[in-house]
């Protein structure tokens, strides 16, 4: 089973666990600096991505790792080469599967699959700051009794589930890197969690006051 790694950018720990391949494909190991730190899942020690001993850990997983010019790549095994040759023979003139997969992973990094509490709790406000303006409809829906609240909640759930995907499409058009995008959305995620905590604290206090 492949090793799993946690990533911390400055003081924010990303919610996902990454394999070595996912770290490469998400761009977290490209142009690494001191702000990006890695640790093996279950370990307590953070190490800068530049200095992390991937060679020792991944060799134990029968992986061949090349570390060159501060960028990381993984050489395919003999089985991978055999599978790729077989796939290319089946697809004929189509582009190789490995190329198509890498292109898809670059277009949609792992962070797009993460639930975003900021998008869920702050809906239209999160949308405006991320270049998405259609969530502003939530403001109008809140003025419609009963039905409007239900539709508003549905939109918030949709934003929580797919918000990172919508925001990444906009961010990519502006040339935002995966690291920058992940860092920004982690801050929004924290803000959304704070809103949830404050909401429940106020609710509990009101219940105590009323009783």
N, C-alpha and C. Protein backbone atom coordinates (compact mmCIF):
# COMPACT_ATOMS: atom_id res chain seq x y z
N UNK A 1 0.85 -1.19 0.00
CA UNK A 1 0.00 0.00 0.00
C UNK A 1 0.89 1.24 0.00
N UNK A 2 0.63 2.22 -0.88
CA UNK A 2 1.52 3.38 -0.98
C UNK A 2 1.49 4.23 0.28
N UNK A 3 2.61 4.90 0.53
CA UNK A 3 2.69 5.82 1.66
C UNK A 3 1.73 6.98 1.46
N UNK A 4 1.21 7.50 2.58
CA UNK A 4 0.35 8.68 2.55
C UNK A 4 1.07 9.82 3.26
N UNK A 5 0.96 11.01 2.70
CA UNK A 5 1.63 12.17 3.24
C UNK A 5 0.65 13.29 3.54
N UNK A 6 0.96 14.07 4.58
CA UNK A 6 0.21 15.28 4.89
C UNK A 6 1.03 16.49 4.46
N UNK A 7 0.33 17.56 4.07
CA UNK A 7 1.00 18.77 3.59
C UNK A 7 0.57 19.96 4.44
N UNK A 8 1.55 20.79 4.80
CA UNK A 8 1.27 22.03 5.53
C UNK A 8 1.89 23.20 4.77
N UNK A 9 1.04 24.20 4.46
CA UNK A 9 1.52 25.42 3.82
C UNK A 9 1.45 26.54 4.83
N UNK A 10 2.61 27.04 5.23
CA UNK A 10 2.73 27.97 6.35
C UNK A 10 2.13 27.31 7.59
N UNK A 11 1.02 27.84 8.13
CA UNK A 11 0.45 27.25 9.35
C UNK A 11 -0.82 26.46 9.07
N UNK A 12 -1.17 26.29 7.81
CA UNK A 12 -2.41 25.60 7.46
C UNK A 12 -2.12 24.18 6.96
N UNK A 13 -2.74 23.19 7.62
CA UNK A 13 -2.59 21.80 7.22
C UNK A 13 -3.70 21.46 6.23
N UNK A 14 -3.33 21.01 5.04
CA UNK A 14 -4.32 20.64 4.03
C UNK A 14 -5.10 19.42 4.50
N UNK A 15 -6.41 19.36 4.23
CA UNK A 15 -7.23 18.26 4.75
C UNK A 15 -7.00 16.93 4.06
N UNK A 16 -6.40 16.94 2.87
CA UNK A 16 -6.22 15.70 2.11
C UNK A 16 -4.96 14.95 2.53
N UNK A 17 -4.97 13.63 2.27
CA UNK A 17 -3.76 12.82 2.33
C UNK A 17 -3.33 12.55 0.90
N UNK A 18 -2.03 12.60 0.64
CA UNK A 18 -1.51 12.46 -0.71
C UNK A 18 -0.54 11.28 -0.79
N UNK A 19 -0.60 10.56 -1.91
CA UNK A 19 0.47 9.63 -2.22
C UNK A 19 1.59 10.42 -2.88
N UNK A 20 2.73 9.78 -3.09
CA UNK A 20 3.85 10.48 -3.72
C UNK A 20 3.47 10.95 -5.12
N UNK A 21 2.77 10.08 -5.87
CA UNK A 21 2.36 10.45 -7.22
C UNK A 21 1.42 11.65 -7.20
N UNK A 22 0.49 11.69 -6.22
CA UNK A 22 -0.44 12.82 -6.14
C UNK A 22 0.28 14.12 -5.79
N UNK A 23 1.31 14.01 -4.97
CA UNK A 23 2.09 15.21 -4.65
C UNK A 23 2.73 15.78 -5.91
N UNK A 24 3.23 14.88 -6.76
CA UNK A 24 3.86 15.33 -8.01
C UNK A 24 2.82 15.94 -8.94
N UNK A 25 1.71 15.21 -9.14
CA UNK A 25 0.71 15.64 -10.11
C UNK A 25 -0.01 16.92 -9.69
N UNK A 26 -0.15 17.15 -8.38
CA UNK A 26 -0.81 18.36 -7.90
C UNK A 26 0.10 19.57 -7.93
N UNK A 27 1.39 19.36 -8.21
CA UNK A 27 2.33 20.47 -8.30
C UNK A 27 2.88 20.93 -6.97
N UNK A 28 2.59 20.20 -5.90
CA UNK A 28 3.04 20.62 -4.57
C UNK A 28 4.55 20.48 -4.39
N UNK A 29 5.19 19.72 -5.27
CA UNK A 29 6.64 19.56 -5.17
C UNK A 29 7.39 20.36 -6.23
N UNK A 30 6.66 21.17 -6.99
CA UNK A 30 7.30 22.02 -7.99
C UNK A 30 7.73 23.34 -7.35
N UNK A 31 8.94 23.74 -7.61
CA UNK A 31 9.45 25.01 -7.09
C UNK A 31 9.17 25.15 -5.59
N UNK A 32 9.52 24.11 -4.85
CA UNK A 32 9.20 24.09 -3.43
C UNK A 32 9.97 25.17 -2.68
N UNK A 33 9.37 25.68 -1.62
CA UNK A 33 10.05 26.65 -0.77
C UNK A 33 9.86 26.25 0.68
N UNK A 34 10.34 27.07 1.57
CA UNK A 34 10.32 26.72 2.99
C UNK A 34 8.92 26.73 3.59
N UNK A 35 7.95 27.33 2.89
CA UNK A 35 6.59 27.40 3.43
C UNK A 35 5.85 26.07 3.32
N UNK A 36 6.28 25.21 2.40
CA UNK A 36 5.61 23.92 2.19
C UNK A 36 6.35 22.85 2.97
N UNK A 37 5.63 22.18 3.88
CA UNK A 37 6.22 21.12 4.70
C UNK A 37 5.44 19.83 4.53
N UNK A 38 6.13 18.72 4.67
CA UNK A 38 5.57 17.39 4.45
C UNK A 38 5.84 16.53 5.68
N UNK A 39 4.91 15.64 5.96
CA UNK A 39 5.20 14.60 6.94
C UNK A 39 4.47 13.32 6.53
N UNK A 40 5.06 12.21 6.87
CA UNK A 40 4.42 10.92 6.63
C UNK A 40 3.22 10.81 7.55
N UNK A 41 2.09 10.35 7.02
CA UNK A 41 0.88 10.25 7.83
C UNK A 41 1.12 9.36 9.04
N UNK A 42 0.80 9.89 10.21
CA UNK A 42 1.03 9.17 11.45
C UNK A 42 2.29 9.61 12.15
N UNK A 43 3.16 10.31 11.43
CA UNK A 43 4.39 10.85 12.02
C UNK A 43 4.10 12.22 12.62
N UNK A 44 4.94 12.65 13.54
CA UNK A 44 4.72 13.93 14.21
C UNK A 44 5.66 15.03 13.74
N UNK A 45 6.64 14.68 12.92
CA UNK A 45 7.68 15.63 12.54
C UNK A 45 7.43 16.17 11.13
N UNK A 46 7.37 17.50 11.03
CA UNK A 46 7.24 18.15 9.73
C UNK A 46 8.62 18.45 9.15
N UNK A 47 8.78 18.19 7.86
CA UNK A 47 10.04 18.46 7.16
C UNK A 47 9.72 19.27 5.91
N UNK A 48 10.56 20.25 5.60
CA UNK A 48 10.31 21.03 4.39
C UNK A 48 10.33 20.11 3.17
N UNK A 49 9.48 20.43 2.21
CA UNK A 49 9.36 19.59 1.01
C UNK A 49 10.70 19.46 0.28
N UNK A 50 11.50 20.52 0.38
CA UNK A 50 12.81 20.50 -0.27
C UNK A 50 13.73 19.45 0.32
N UNK A 51 13.57 19.20 1.64
CA UNK A 51 14.50 18.31 2.34
C UNK A 51 13.89 16.95 2.69
N UNK A 52 12.62 16.72 2.33
CA UNK A 52 11.96 15.49 2.76
C UNK A 52 12.61 14.26 2.10
N UNK A 53 12.87 13.20 2.89
CA UNK A 53 13.58 12.01 2.36
C UNK A 53 12.66 11.07 1.59
N UNK A 54 12.10 11.55 0.46
CA UNK A 54 11.22 10.70 -0.33
C UNK A 54 11.96 9.47 -0.84
N UNK A 55 13.24 9.60 -1.13
CA UNK A 55 13.99 8.48 -1.70
C UNK A 55 13.95 7.28 -0.78
N UNK A 56 14.22 7.51 0.52
CA UNK A 56 14.27 6.39 1.47
C UNK A 56 12.90 5.75 1.63
N UNK A 57 11.86 6.59 1.75
CA UNK A 57 10.52 6.06 2.00
C UNK A 57 9.94 5.35 0.79
N UNK A 58 10.10 5.96 -0.39
CA UNK A 58 9.50 5.38 -1.57
C UNK A 58 10.26 4.16 -2.09
N UNK A 59 11.58 4.07 -1.77
CA UNK A 59 12.33 2.87 -2.14
C UNK A 59 11.75 1.64 -1.44
N UNK A 60 11.22 1.87 -0.25
CA UNK A 60 10.61 0.76 0.49
C UNK A 60 9.34 0.29 -0.17
N UNK A 61 8.74 1.15 -1.00
CA UNK A 61 7.52 0.79 -1.72
C UNK A 61 7.84 0.28 -3.12
N UNK A 62 9.12 -0.09 -3.35
CA UNK A 62 9.58 -0.61 -4.65
C UNK A 62 9.39 0.41 -5.76
N UNK A 63 9.57 1.68 -5.43
CA UNK A 63 9.48 2.74 -6.42
C UNK A 63 10.88 3.23 -6.73
N UNK A 64 11.07 3.67 -7.97
CA UNK A 64 12.34 4.22 -8.39
C UNK A 64 12.16 5.71 -8.55
N UNK A 65 12.85 6.50 -7.73
CA UNK A 65 12.64 7.94 -7.70
C UNK A 65 13.88 8.65 -8.18
N UNK A 66 13.69 9.61 -9.04
CA UNK A 66 14.78 10.45 -9.50
C UNK A 66 14.58 11.83 -8.90
N UNK A 67 15.60 12.33 -8.22
CA UNK A 67 15.54 13.66 -7.66
C UNK A 67 16.55 14.51 -8.41
N UNK A 68 16.05 15.49 -9.15
CA UNK A 68 16.93 16.26 -10.01
C UNK A 68 16.42 17.69 -10.11
N UNK A 69 17.31 18.67 -9.88
CA UNK A 69 16.98 20.09 -10.01
C UNK A 69 15.78 20.46 -9.17
N UNK A 70 15.70 19.85 -7.96
CA UNK A 70 14.66 20.14 -6.99
C UNK A 70 13.26 19.80 -7.49
N UNK A 71 13.16 18.98 -8.51
CA UNK A 71 11.88 18.48 -8.97
C UNK A 71 11.91 16.96 -8.85
N UNK A 72 10.72 16.37 -8.65
CA UNK A 72 10.65 14.95 -8.38
C UNK A 72 9.89 14.27 -9.52
N UNK A 73 10.41 13.10 -9.92
CA UNK A 73 9.69 12.30 -10.91
C UNK A 73 9.85 10.84 -10.54
N UNK A 74 9.01 10.02 -11.12
CA UNK A 74 9.03 8.61 -10.80
C UNK A 74 9.18 7.81 -12.07
N UNK A 75 10.18 6.94 -12.11
CA UNK A 75 10.41 6.14 -13.31
C UNK A 75 9.44 4.98 -13.32
N UNK A 76 8.85 4.68 -14.47
CA UNK A 76 7.88 3.58 -14.53
C UNK A 76 8.56 2.23 -14.35
N UNK A 77 7.83 1.31 -13.73
CA UNK A 77 8.34 -0.05 -13.58
C UNK A 77 8.17 -0.80 -14.89
N UNK A 78 8.73 -2.00 -14.95
CA UNK A 78 8.62 -2.80 -16.17
C UNK A 78 7.17 -3.14 -16.46
N UNK A 79 6.37 -3.36 -15.39
CA UNK A 79 4.95 -3.65 -15.59
C UNK A 79 4.23 -2.45 -16.18
N UNK A 80 4.58 -1.23 -15.69
CA UNK A 80 3.96 -0.02 -16.22
C UNK A 80 4.27 0.14 -17.70
N UNK A 81 5.55 -0.14 -18.09
CA UNK A 81 5.93 0.00 -19.48
C UNK A 81 5.18 -0.99 -20.35
N UNK A 82 5.01 -2.22 -19.84
CA UNK A 82 4.29 -3.23 -20.60
C UNK A 82 2.84 -2.82 -20.80
N UNK A 83 2.21 -2.33 -19.73
CA UNK A 83 0.82 -1.91 -19.80
C UNK A 83 0.65 -0.74 -20.76
N UNK A 84 1.59 0.22 -20.72
CA UNK A 84 1.50 1.38 -21.61
C UNK A 84 1.62 0.96 -23.07
N UNK A 85 2.55 0.01 -23.37
CA UNK A 85 2.73 -0.46 -24.74
C UNK A 85 1.46 -1.15 -25.23
N UNK A 86 0.85 -1.94 -24.35
CA UNK A 86 -0.38 -2.63 -24.72
C UNK A 86 -1.50 -1.63 -24.99
N UNK A 87 -1.60 -0.61 -24.12
CA UNK A 87 -2.65 0.41 -24.28
C UNK A 87 -2.46 1.20 -25.57
N UNK A 88 -1.20 1.54 -25.87
CA UNK A 88 -0.93 2.32 -27.08
C UNK A 88 -1.27 1.51 -28.32
N UNK A 89 -1.00 0.20 -28.24
CA UNK A 89 -1.33 -0.64 -29.39
C UNK A 89 -2.82 -0.70 -29.64
N UNK A 90 -3.62 -0.68 -28.56
CA UNK A 90 -5.07 -0.73 -28.70
C UNK A 90 -5.62 0.59 -29.23
N UNK A 91 -5.01 1.70 -28.83
CA UNK A 91 -5.55 3.01 -29.17
C UNK A 91 -5.06 3.53 -30.52
N UNK A 92 -4.06 2.87 -31.10
CA UNK A 92 -3.58 3.27 -32.41
C UNK A 92 -3.03 4.67 -32.40
N UNK A 93 -3.67 5.53 -33.19
CA UNK A 93 -3.14 6.88 -33.38
C UNK A 93 -3.52 7.82 -32.25
N UNK A 94 -4.31 7.37 -31.25
CA UNK A 94 -4.68 8.25 -30.15
C UNK A 94 -3.46 8.59 -29.32
N UNK A 95 -3.53 9.71 -28.57
CA UNK A 95 -2.40 10.06 -27.72
C UNK A 95 -2.30 9.08 -26.57
N UNK A 96 -1.11 8.85 -26.00
CA UNK A 96 -0.92 7.85 -24.95
C UNK A 96 -1.78 8.13 -23.73
N UNK A 97 -2.20 7.06 -23.05
CA UNK A 97 -3.07 7.21 -21.88
C UNK A 97 -2.37 7.98 -20.77
N UNK A 98 -1.06 7.76 -20.61
CA UNK A 98 -0.35 8.45 -19.53
C UNK A 98 -0.39 9.95 -19.73
N UNK A 99 -0.34 10.39 -21.01
CA UNK A 99 -0.41 11.83 -21.30
C UNK A 99 -1.80 12.37 -20.94
N UNK A 100 -2.85 11.64 -21.35
CA UNK A 100 -4.20 12.10 -21.08
C UNK A 100 -4.48 12.15 -19.58
N UNK A 101 -3.99 11.17 -18.83
CA UNK A 101 -4.21 11.14 -17.39
C UNK A 101 -3.52 12.31 -16.72
N UNK A 102 -2.26 12.58 -17.12
CA UNK A 102 -1.54 13.67 -16.50
C UNK A 102 -2.21 15.00 -16.81
N UNK A 103 -2.73 15.16 -18.03
CA UNK A 103 -3.43 16.38 -18.39
C UNK A 103 -4.68 16.57 -17.54
N UNK A 104 -5.42 15.50 -17.30
CA UNK A 104 -6.63 15.57 -16.48
C UNK A 104 -6.31 15.94 -15.05
N UNK A 105 -5.22 15.36 -14.51
CA UNK A 105 -4.83 15.65 -13.14
C UNK A 105 -4.36 17.09 -12.99
N UNK A 106 -3.71 17.62 -14.04
CA UNK A 106 -3.30 19.02 -13.98
C UNK A 106 -4.50 19.94 -14.04
N UNK A 107 -5.54 19.56 -14.80
CA UNK A 107 -6.71 20.40 -14.93
C UNK A 107 -7.54 20.40 -13.66
N UNK A 108 -7.64 19.25 -13.02
CA UNK A 108 -8.41 19.13 -11.80
C UNK A 108 -7.55 18.52 -10.69
N UNK A 109 -6.87 19.33 -9.90
CA UNK A 109 -6.03 18.82 -8.81
C UNK A 109 -6.90 18.20 -7.71
N UNK A 110 -6.31 17.40 -6.82
CA UNK A 110 -7.09 16.69 -5.79
C UNK A 110 -7.94 17.61 -4.92
N UNK A 111 -7.53 18.86 -4.74
CA UNK A 111 -8.26 19.76 -3.84
C UNK A 111 -9.68 20.02 -4.31
N UNK A 112 -9.98 19.85 -5.61
CA UNK A 112 -11.34 20.14 -6.09
C UNK A 112 -12.36 19.15 -5.54
N UNK A 113 -11.89 18.02 -5.01
CA UNK A 113 -12.81 17.02 -4.48
C UNK A 113 -13.08 17.21 -2.99
N UNK A 114 -12.46 18.22 -2.39
CA UNK A 114 -12.59 18.44 -0.95
C UNK A 114 -13.80 19.32 -0.66
N UNK A 115 -14.55 18.98 0.39
CA UNK A 115 -15.68 19.82 0.85
C UNK A 115 -15.14 21.16 1.32
N UNK A 116 -15.82 22.24 0.93
CA UNK A 116 -15.38 23.59 1.28
C UNK A 116 -16.39 24.24 2.22
N UNK A 117 -16.04 24.33 3.51
CA UNK A 117 -16.95 24.93 4.48
C UNK A 117 -17.13 26.42 4.23
N UNK A 118 -16.12 27.07 3.69
CA UNK A 118 -16.24 28.48 3.39
C UNK A 118 -17.30 28.73 2.33
N UNK A 119 -17.30 27.92 1.27
CA UNK A 119 -18.30 28.05 0.21
C UNK A 119 -19.69 27.71 0.73
N UNK A 120 -19.79 26.74 1.63
CA UNK A 120 -21.08 26.34 2.17
C UNK A 120 -21.67 27.41 3.09
N UNK A 121 -20.86 27.95 3.99
CA UNK A 121 -21.37 28.88 5.00
C UNK A 121 -21.45 30.32 4.50
N UNK A 122 -20.54 30.69 3.60
CA UNK A 122 -20.47 32.09 3.18
C UNK A 122 -20.93 32.28 1.73
N UNK A 123 -21.40 31.23 1.14
CA UNK A 123 -22.01 31.17 -0.20
C UNK A 123 -21.68 32.34 -1.12
N UNK A 124 -22.56 33.34 -1.19
CA UNK A 124 -22.38 34.42 -2.17
C UNK A 124 -21.13 35.26 -1.90
N UNK A 125 -20.78 35.44 -0.61
CA UNK A 125 -19.58 36.21 -0.28
C UNK A 125 -18.34 35.48 -0.78
N UNK A 126 -18.28 34.16 -0.53
CA UNK A 126 -17.19 33.34 -1.05
C UNK A 126 -17.16 33.41 -2.57
N UNK A 127 -18.36 33.35 -3.20
CA UNK A 127 -18.45 33.37 -4.65
C UNK A 127 -17.88 34.65 -5.25
N UNK A 128 -18.23 35.80 -4.68
CA UNK A 128 -17.75 37.09 -5.21
C UNK A 128 -16.24 37.16 -5.14
N UNK A 129 -15.65 36.74 -4.01
CA UNK A 129 -14.20 36.81 -3.85
C UNK A 129 -13.46 35.80 -4.74
N UNK A 130 -14.19 34.80 -5.23
CA UNK A 130 -13.57 33.80 -6.11
C UNK A 130 -14.01 33.94 -7.56
N UNK A 131 -14.60 35.09 -7.91
CA UNK A 131 -14.97 35.35 -9.29
C UNK A 131 -16.22 34.66 -9.75
N UNK A 132 -17.05 34.17 -8.81
CA UNK A 132 -18.32 33.52 -9.14
C UNK A 132 -19.47 34.39 -8.62
N UNK A 133 -20.33 34.82 -9.53
CA UNK A 133 -21.36 35.78 -9.14
C UNK A 133 -22.77 35.19 -9.10
N UNK A 134 -22.94 34.02 -9.68
CA UNK A 134 -24.28 33.44 -9.65
C UNK A 134 -24.75 33.07 -8.25
N UNK A 135 -23.84 32.76 -7.26
CA UNK A 135 -24.34 32.51 -5.90
C UNK A 135 -25.04 33.70 -5.26
N UNK A 136 -24.94 34.90 -5.86
CA UNK A 136 -25.65 36.07 -5.33
C UNK A 136 -27.16 35.86 -5.32
N UNK A 137 -27.62 34.88 -6.09
CA UNK A 137 -29.05 34.57 -6.11
C UNK A 137 -29.55 34.15 -4.73
N UNK A 138 -28.63 33.67 -3.89
CA UNK A 138 -29.00 33.26 -2.53
C UNK A 138 -29.61 34.43 -1.76
N UNK A 139 -29.12 35.64 -2.00
CA UNK A 139 -29.64 36.81 -1.30
C UNK A 139 -31.12 36.99 -1.63
N UNK A 140 -31.47 36.90 -2.91
CA UNK A 140 -32.86 37.07 -3.32
C UNK A 140 -33.73 35.93 -2.80
N UNK A 141 -33.21 34.71 -2.83
CA UNK A 141 -33.98 33.55 -2.39
C UNK A 141 -34.36 33.65 -0.91
N UNK A 142 -33.51 34.27 -0.11
CA UNK A 142 -33.79 34.37 1.32
C UNK A 142 -34.99 35.25 1.63
N UNK A 143 -35.42 36.05 0.65
CA UNK A 143 -36.60 36.90 0.85
C UNK A 143 -37.90 36.19 0.48
N UNK A 144 -37.78 34.99 -0.07
CA UNK A 144 -38.96 34.20 -0.42
C UNK A 144 -39.27 33.24 0.74
N UNK A 145 -40.43 33.34 1.35
CA UNK A 145 -40.75 32.49 2.51
C UNK A 145 -40.71 31.01 2.17
N UNK A 146 -40.21 30.23 3.09
CA UNK A 146 -40.21 28.77 3.04
C UNK A 146 -39.44 28.20 1.84
N UNK A 147 -40.00 28.31 0.65
CA UNK A 147 -39.38 27.70 -0.53
C UNK A 147 -38.01 28.31 -0.80
N UNK A 148 -37.92 29.63 -0.63
CA UNK A 148 -36.66 30.31 -0.88
C UNK A 148 -35.54 29.82 0.02
N UNK A 149 -35.88 29.57 1.28
CA UNK A 149 -34.88 29.08 2.23
C UNK A 149 -34.39 27.69 1.83
N UNK A 150 -35.31 26.84 1.36
CA UNK A 150 -34.95 25.49 0.94
C UNK A 150 -34.00 25.53 -0.26
N UNK A 151 -34.36 26.35 -1.26
CA UNK A 151 -33.50 26.48 -2.44
C UNK A 151 -32.15 27.08 -2.08
N UNK A 152 -32.17 28.03 -1.16
CA UNK A 152 -30.92 28.66 -0.72
C UNK A 152 -30.01 27.63 -0.06
N UNK A 153 -30.59 26.77 0.77
CA UNK A 153 -29.80 25.73 1.42
C UNK A 153 -29.24 24.74 0.41
N UNK A 154 -30.03 24.42 -0.61
CA UNK A 154 -29.56 23.49 -1.66
C UNK A 154 -28.35 24.08 -2.39
N UNK A 155 -28.40 25.38 -2.66
CA UNK A 155 -27.28 26.04 -3.35
C UNK A 155 -26.04 26.02 -2.46
N UNK A 156 -26.24 26.24 -1.15
CA UNK A 156 -25.10 26.22 -0.22
C UNK A 156 -24.45 24.84 -0.19
N UNK A 157 -25.28 23.79 -0.20
CA UNK A 157 -24.74 22.42 -0.22
C UNK A 157 -23.98 22.17 -1.52
N UNK A 158 -24.54 22.64 -2.64
CA UNK A 158 -23.87 22.49 -3.93
C UNK A 158 -22.51 23.20 -3.93
N UNK A 159 -22.47 24.40 -3.35
CA UNK A 159 -21.21 25.14 -3.28
C UNK A 159 -20.21 24.44 -2.37
N UNK A 160 -20.70 23.88 -1.26
CA UNK A 160 -19.80 23.17 -0.36
C UNK A 160 -19.18 21.96 -1.03
N UNK A 161 -19.97 21.27 -1.83
CA UNK A 161 -19.49 20.04 -2.47
C UNK A 161 -18.63 20.33 -3.70
N UNK A 162 -19.07 21.26 -4.54
CA UNK A 162 -18.39 21.51 -5.82
C UNK A 162 -17.72 22.88 -5.90
N UNK A 163 -17.73 23.63 -4.80
CA UNK A 163 -17.19 24.98 -4.82
C UNK A 163 -15.74 25.05 -5.27
N UNK A 164 -14.91 24.13 -4.78
CA UNK A 164 -13.50 24.14 -5.17
C UNK A 164 -13.33 23.92 -6.67
N UNK A 165 -14.19 23.09 -7.24
CA UNK A 165 -14.12 22.84 -8.68
C UNK A 165 -14.46 24.11 -9.45
N UNK A 166 -15.56 24.79 -9.07
CA UNK A 166 -15.96 26.02 -9.75
C UNK A 166 -14.87 27.09 -9.61
N UNK A 167 -14.34 27.22 -8.39
CA UNK A 167 -13.34 28.26 -8.13
C UNK A 167 -12.03 27.96 -8.87
N UNK A 168 -11.67 26.67 -8.98
CA UNK A 168 -10.42 26.32 -9.65
C UNK A 168 -10.47 26.68 -11.14
N UNK A 169 -11.63 26.50 -11.76
CA UNK A 169 -11.75 26.87 -13.16
C UNK A 169 -11.48 28.35 -13.37
N UNK A 170 -12.00 29.17 -12.47
CA UNK A 170 -11.76 30.62 -12.55
C UNK A 170 -10.30 30.95 -12.23
N UNK A 171 -9.79 30.31 -11.17
CA UNK A 171 -8.41 30.60 -10.75
C UNK A 171 -7.41 30.19 -11.82
N UNK A 172 -7.67 29.09 -12.50
CA UNK A 172 -6.75 28.63 -13.54
C UNK A 172 -6.69 29.61 -14.69
N UNK A 173 -7.83 30.22 -15.03
CA UNK A 173 -7.85 31.21 -16.10
C UNK A 173 -6.99 32.42 -15.75
N UNK A 174 -6.86 32.71 -14.46
CA UNK A 174 -6.06 33.86 -14.02
C UNK A 174 -4.60 33.49 -13.78
N UNK A 175 -4.25 32.22 -14.05
CA UNK A 175 -2.87 31.78 -13.89
C UNK A 175 -2.49 31.42 -12.47
N UNK A 176 -3.46 31.15 -11.63
CA UNK A 176 -3.18 30.79 -10.23
C UNK A 176 -2.59 29.38 -10.16
N UNK A 177 -1.57 29.19 -9.36
CA UNK A 177 -0.95 27.87 -9.21
C UNK A 177 -1.77 27.01 -8.25
N UNK A 178 -1.52 25.71 -8.28
CA UNK A 178 -2.23 24.79 -7.39
C UNK A 178 -1.94 25.13 -5.93
N UNK A 179 -0.67 25.47 -5.64
CA UNK A 179 -0.30 25.79 -4.26
C UNK A 179 -1.05 27.02 -3.76
N UNK A 180 -1.09 28.06 -4.59
CA UNK A 180 -1.80 29.29 -4.20
C UNK A 180 -3.28 29.02 -3.99
N UNK A 181 -3.88 28.29 -4.93
CA UNK A 181 -5.30 28.00 -4.84
C UNK A 181 -5.62 27.18 -3.60
N UNK A 182 -4.81 26.15 -3.34
CA UNK A 182 -5.03 25.30 -2.17
C UNK A 182 -4.90 26.11 -0.88
N UNK A 183 -3.92 26.99 -0.84
CA UNK A 183 -3.72 27.83 0.35
C UNK A 183 -4.91 28.76 0.58
N UNK A 184 -5.38 29.41 -0.48
CA UNK A 184 -6.50 30.35 -0.36
C UNK A 184 -7.77 29.63 0.10
N UNK A 185 -8.06 28.48 -0.50
CA UNK A 185 -9.27 27.75 -0.13
C UNK A 185 -9.18 27.16 1.27
N UNK A 186 -7.97 26.85 1.72
CA UNK A 186 -7.82 26.36 3.11
C UNK A 186 -8.20 27.46 4.10
N UNK A 187 -7.89 28.73 3.75
CA UNK A 187 -8.28 29.86 4.60
C UNK A 187 -9.79 30.03 4.61
N UNK A 188 -10.42 29.91 3.45
CA UNK A 188 -11.88 29.98 3.39
C UNK A 188 -12.51 28.82 4.17
N UNK A 189 -11.90 27.66 4.09
CA UNK A 189 -12.41 26.50 4.81
C UNK A 189 -12.40 26.76 6.32
N UNK A 190 -11.32 27.34 6.81
CA UNK A 190 -11.21 27.68 8.23
C UNK A 190 -12.27 28.71 8.62
N UNK A 191 -12.46 29.74 7.75
CA UNK A 191 -13.46 30.77 8.02
C UNK A 191 -14.85 30.17 8.13
N UNK A 192 -15.16 29.24 7.24
CA UNK A 192 -16.46 28.57 7.29
C UNK A 192 -16.65 27.76 8.56
N UNK A 193 -15.61 27.08 9.00
CA UNK A 193 -15.69 26.31 10.24
C UNK A 193 -15.91 27.22 11.45
N UNK A 194 -15.27 28.39 11.42
CA UNK A 194 -15.47 29.37 12.51
C UNK A 194 -16.92 29.82 12.54
N UNK A 195 -17.50 30.08 11.36
CA UNK A 195 -18.91 30.48 11.29
C UNK A 195 -19.81 29.41 11.88
N UNK A 196 -19.54 28.16 11.56
CA UNK A 196 -20.34 27.04 12.10
C UNK A 196 -20.26 27.01 13.63
N UNK A 197 -19.04 27.14 14.16
CA UNK A 197 -18.84 27.09 15.61
C UNK A 197 -19.57 28.24 16.29
N UNK A 198 -19.43 29.44 15.74
CA UNK A 198 -20.10 30.61 16.32
C UNK A 198 -21.61 30.44 16.27
N UNK A 199 -22.12 29.92 15.16
CA UNK A 199 -23.57 29.71 15.02
C UNK A 199 -24.10 28.78 16.11
N UNK A 200 -23.42 27.66 16.33
CA UNK A 200 -23.89 26.71 17.34
C UNK A 200 -23.73 27.26 18.76
N UNK A 201 -22.69 28.04 18.99
CA UNK A 201 -22.52 28.66 20.30
C UNK A 201 -23.67 29.62 20.60
N UNK A 202 -24.03 30.44 19.61
CA UNK A 202 -25.15 31.37 19.78
C UNK A 202 -26.45 30.60 19.99
N UNK A 203 -26.63 29.51 19.23
CA UNK A 203 -27.83 28.69 19.36
C UNK A 203 -27.94 28.10 20.76
N UNK A 204 -26.83 27.59 21.28
CA UNK A 204 -26.82 27.01 22.63
C UNK A 204 -27.13 28.08 23.68
N UNK A 205 -26.53 29.25 23.53
CA UNK A 205 -26.78 30.34 24.48
C UNK A 205 -28.24 30.78 24.45
N UNK A 206 -28.83 30.82 23.26
CA UNK A 206 -30.24 31.20 23.15
C UNK A 206 -31.13 30.16 23.82
N UNK A 207 -30.81 28.90 23.63
CA UNK A 207 -31.58 27.83 24.27
C UNK A 207 -31.49 27.91 25.78
N UNK A 208 -30.29 28.21 26.28
CA UNK A 208 -30.12 28.34 27.72
C UNK A 208 -30.88 29.55 28.26
N UNK A 209 -30.84 30.65 27.49
CA UNK A 209 -31.50 31.88 27.92
C UNK A 209 -33.02 31.68 27.93
N UNK A 210 -33.56 31.03 26.89
CA UNK A 210 -35.00 30.83 26.79
C UNK A 210 -35.51 29.88 27.87
N UNK A 211 -34.73 28.83 28.15
CA UNK A 211 -35.16 27.85 29.16
C UNK A 211 -35.04 28.42 30.57
